[in-house]
Amino acid sequence: MSVLNTLPIVIFSAAMIFAAVRDLTTMTIPNWLTLGLTIAFFISAVSLGMPLADIARHASAGFALLLIGMGLFARGWIGGGDAKLVAAASLWLGWGDALPYLLLASIFGGALTLFILFYRTMPLPMFLYRQGWLLRLHDRKEGVPYGIALAVAGLFIFPQTEIFRLVSVLS
């Protein structure tokens, strides 16, 4: 198994994990992460020999979900980083895996929301008051770091994707 061939798997997985941790601790997903993930898809797809028509279909999935995500962001239903992360992940997943991804992200997001709502009803031990991210997560006025659900869903779906199969064939 070639290390270079497995690089797309490492890049996607690391980016999803970083996005989840960053959203949990800061309630933000950096633009450079979603931009880097987008660029890495195109480099990976070309280097793995993905046909141009398939790359275009993946790009259309990412673009369509970016538009939908930005509409949801404009209504205040999700964060801007979440909208960009779902678009970048959908670029990697393509149309064939976009619906299962969104369904799984919704399920994980619902569970995450219920957990955080429960967490916010519990008194916070004094020694945790020094942890700014835990205080922010405990604050009822704050949102839910939905990037966690998006990232976990992406990691669950990714092994089924076309790009993952291309890596497996070349390895």
Protein backbone atom coordinates (compact mmCIF):
# COMPACT_ATOMS: atom_id res chain seq x y z
CA MET A 1 0.00 0.00 0.00
CA SER A 2 1.54 3.27 -1.13
CA VAL A 3 1.72 6.07 1.40
CA LEU A 4 0.97 8.65 -1.29
CA ASN A 5 -2.16 6.76 -2.38
CA THR A 6 -3.50 6.73 1.17
CA LEU A 7 -2.87 10.44 1.66
CA PRO A 8 -6.44 11.42 0.62
CA ILE A 9 -7.85 9.20 3.38
CA VAL A 10 -5.51 10.76 5.93
CA ILE A 11 -6.28 14.31 4.76
CA PHE A 12 -10.06 13.89 4.84
CA SER A 13 -10.03 12.08 8.18
CA ALA A 14 -7.65 14.53 9.84
CA ALA A 15 -9.63 17.52 8.57
CA MET A 16 -12.91 16.09 9.90
CA ILE A 17 -11.38 15.33 13.30
CA PHE A 18 -9.78 18.79 13.48
CA ALA A 19 -13.07 20.46 12.50
CA ALA A 20 -14.94 18.59 15.24
CA VAL A 21 -12.40 19.42 17.93
CA ARG A 22 -12.11 23.04 16.83
CA ASP A 23 -15.88 23.51 16.76
CA LEU A 24 -16.20 21.91 20.20
CA THR A 25 -13.53 24.11 21.76
CA THR A 26 -14.05 27.42 19.93
CA MET A 27 -17.48 27.17 18.25
CA THR A 28 -15.77 27.99 14.94
CA ILE A 29 -14.55 26.06 11.92
CA PRO A 30 -11.75 27.97 10.19
CA ASN A 31 -12.10 28.99 6.55
CA TRP A 32 -8.58 27.75 5.81
CA LEU A 33 -9.66 24.25 6.83
CA THR A 34 -12.63 24.06 4.48
CA LEU A 35 -10.67 25.73 1.68
CA GLY A 36 -7.77 23.31 2.19
CA LEU A 37 -10.16 20.36 2.20
CA THR A 38 -11.67 21.62 -1.06
CA ILE A 39 -8.29 22.03 -2.76
CA ALA A 40 -7.13 18.65 -1.43
CA PHE A 41 -10.16 16.98 -3.02
CA PHE A 42 -9.30 18.26 -6.49
CA ILE A 43 -5.62 17.34 -6.15
CA SER A 44 -6.55 13.90 -4.80
CA ALA A 45 -9.18 13.23 -7.45
CA VAL A 46 -6.81 14.10 -10.30
CA SER A 47 -3.87 12.18 -8.81
CA LEU A 48 -6.06 9.09 -8.27
CA GLY A 49 -7.29 9.21 -11.86
CA MET A 50 -10.91 10.07 -11.17
CA PRO A 51 -12.64 10.80 -14.49
CA LEU A 52 -13.32 14.47 -15.18
CA ALA A 53 -17.09 13.85 -15.38
CA ASP A 54 -17.01 12.34 -11.88
CA ILE A 55 -14.97 15.26 -10.56
CA ALA A 56 -17.58 17.61 -12.04
CA ARG A 57 -20.41 15.67 -10.34
CA HIS A 58 -18.60 15.85 -7.00
CA ALA A 59 -18.05 19.59 -7.54
CA SER A 60 -21.74 20.09 -8.29
CA ALA A 61 -22.67 18.27 -5.05
CA GLY A 62 -20.32 20.48 -3.04
CA PHE A 63 -21.55 23.65 -4.73
CA ALA A 64 -25.24 22.77 -4.33
CA LEU A 65 -24.78 22.00 -0.64
CA LEU A 66 -22.81 25.22 -0.20
CA LEU A 67 -25.77 27.16 -1.60
CA ILE A 68 -28.23 25.30 0.63
CA GLY A 69 -25.93 25.73 3.63
CA MET A 70 -25.58 29.45 3.01
CA GLY A 71 -29.36 29.73 2.81
CA LEU A 72 -29.64 27.98 6.18
CA PHE A 73 -26.91 30.25 7.56
CA ALA A 74 -28.74 33.35 6.29
CA ARG A 75 -31.81 32.23 8.26
CA GLY A 76 -29.66 31.73 11.37
CA TRP A 77 -30.29 27.99 11.51
CA ILE A 78 -26.63 26.92 11.20
CA GLY A 79 -23.24 28.57 11.48
CA GLY A 80 -21.22 29.72 8.50
CA GLY A 81 -18.46 27.25 9.29
CA ASP A 82 -21.01 24.44 9.35
CA ALA A 83 -22.31 25.47 5.93
CA LYS A 84 -18.80 25.45 4.48
CA LEU A 85 -17.87 22.16 6.17
CA VAL A 86 -20.94 20.35 4.84
CA ALA A 87 -20.11 21.66 1.35
CA ALA A 88 -16.45 20.59 1.54
CA ALA A 89 -17.39 17.16 2.90
CA SER A 90 -20.04 16.73 0.19
CA LEU A 91 -17.43 17.54 -2.41
CA TRP A 92 -15.48 14.49 -1.22
CA LEU A 93 -18.58 12.32 -0.84
CA GLY A 94 -20.38 13.17 -4.08
CA TRP A 95 -24.09 12.96 -4.88
CA GLY A 96 -24.28 9.23 -4.23
CA ASP A 97 -23.32 9.63 -0.59
CA ALA A 98 -24.66 13.14 0.11
CA LEU A 99 -28.13 12.05 1.24
CA PRO A 100 -26.89 9.30 3.61
CA TYR A 101 -24.33 11.82 4.93
CA LEU A 102 -26.96 14.47 5.63
CA LEU A 103 -29.30 11.93 7.21
CA LEU A 104 -26.56 10.59 9.47
CA ALA A 105 -25.41 14.13 10.34
CA SER A 106 -29.00 14.97 11.30
CA ILE A 107 -29.23 11.93 13.58
CA PHE A 108 -25.86 12.68 15.20
CA GLY A 109 -26.75 16.37 15.40
CA GLY A 110 -30.02 15.62 17.16
CA ALA A 111 -28.26 13.39 19.69
CA LEU A 112 -25.55 16.01 20.19
CA THR A 113 -28.14 18.74 20.72
CA LEU A 114 -30.01 16.66 23.30
CA PHE A 115 -26.76 15.90 25.11
CA ILE A 116 -25.72 19.56 25.20
CA LEU A 117 -29.17 20.68 26.35
CA PHE A 118 -28.93 18.16 29.18
CA TYR A 119 -25.35 19.29 29.96
CA ARG A 120 -26.57 22.88 30.21
CA THR A 121 -29.08 21.93 32.92
CA MET A 122 -26.39 20.40 35.14
CA PRO A 123 -24.39 22.56 37.57
CA LEU A 124 -20.79 22.95 36.48
CA PRO A 125 -18.18 21.90 39.06
CA MET A 126 -16.02 24.81 40.23
CA PHE A 127 -12.76 23.37 38.85
CA LEU A 128 -14.24 23.48 35.32
CA TYR A 129 -14.87 27.21 35.49
CA ARG A 130 -11.28 27.77 34.35
CA GLN A 131 -12.04 26.05 31.05
CA GLY A 132 -13.45 28.74 28.78
CA TRP A 133 -14.65 26.31 26.14
CA LEU A 134 -16.63 24.31 28.71
CA LEU A 135 -18.22 27.51 30.03
CA ARG A 136 -19.16 28.52 26.48
CA LEU A 137 -20.60 25.07 25.82
CA HIS A 138 -22.55 25.31 29.08
CA ASP A 139 -23.99 28.74 28.21
CA ARG A 140 -27.65 28.45 27.19
CA LYS A 141 -27.28 31.50 24.93
CA GLU A 142 -24.66 29.73 22.79
CA GLY A 143 -25.39 27.50 19.83
CA VAL A 144 -24.54 23.86 19.36
CA PRO A 145 -21.17 22.94 17.78
CA TYR A 146 -22.87 21.10 14.92
CA GLY A 147 -19.53 20.65 13.15
CA ILE A 148 -19.03 17.67 15.45
CA ALA A 149 -22.04 15.89 13.96
CA LEU A 150 -21.02 16.84 10.42
CA ALA A 151 -17.50 15.55 10.97
CA VAL A 152 -18.53 12.26 12.61
CA ALA A 153 -21.08 11.59 9.86
CA GLY A 154 -18.41 12.29 7.24
CA LEU A 155 -16.05 9.81 8.87
CA PHE A 156 -18.80 7.16 8.95
CA ILE A 157 -19.74 7.64 5.27
CA PHE A 158 -16.26 8.18 3.82
CA PRO A 159 -15.27 4.47 3.49
CA GLN A 160 -18.22 4.00 1.10
CA THR A 161 -17.21 6.79 -1.28
CA GLU A 162 -15.84 6.66 -4.79
CA ILE A 163 -12.59 8.36 -3.80
CA PHE A 164 -12.03 5.82 -1.02
CA ARG A 165 -12.58 3.00 -3.55
CA LEU A 166 -10.04 4.60 -5.89
CA VAL A 167 -7.48 4.64 -3.08
CA SER A 168 -8.21 0.97 -2.35
CA VAL A 169 -7.80 -0.02 -6.00
CA LEU A 170 -4.47 1.79 -6.34
CA SER A 171 -3.08 0.43 -3.07
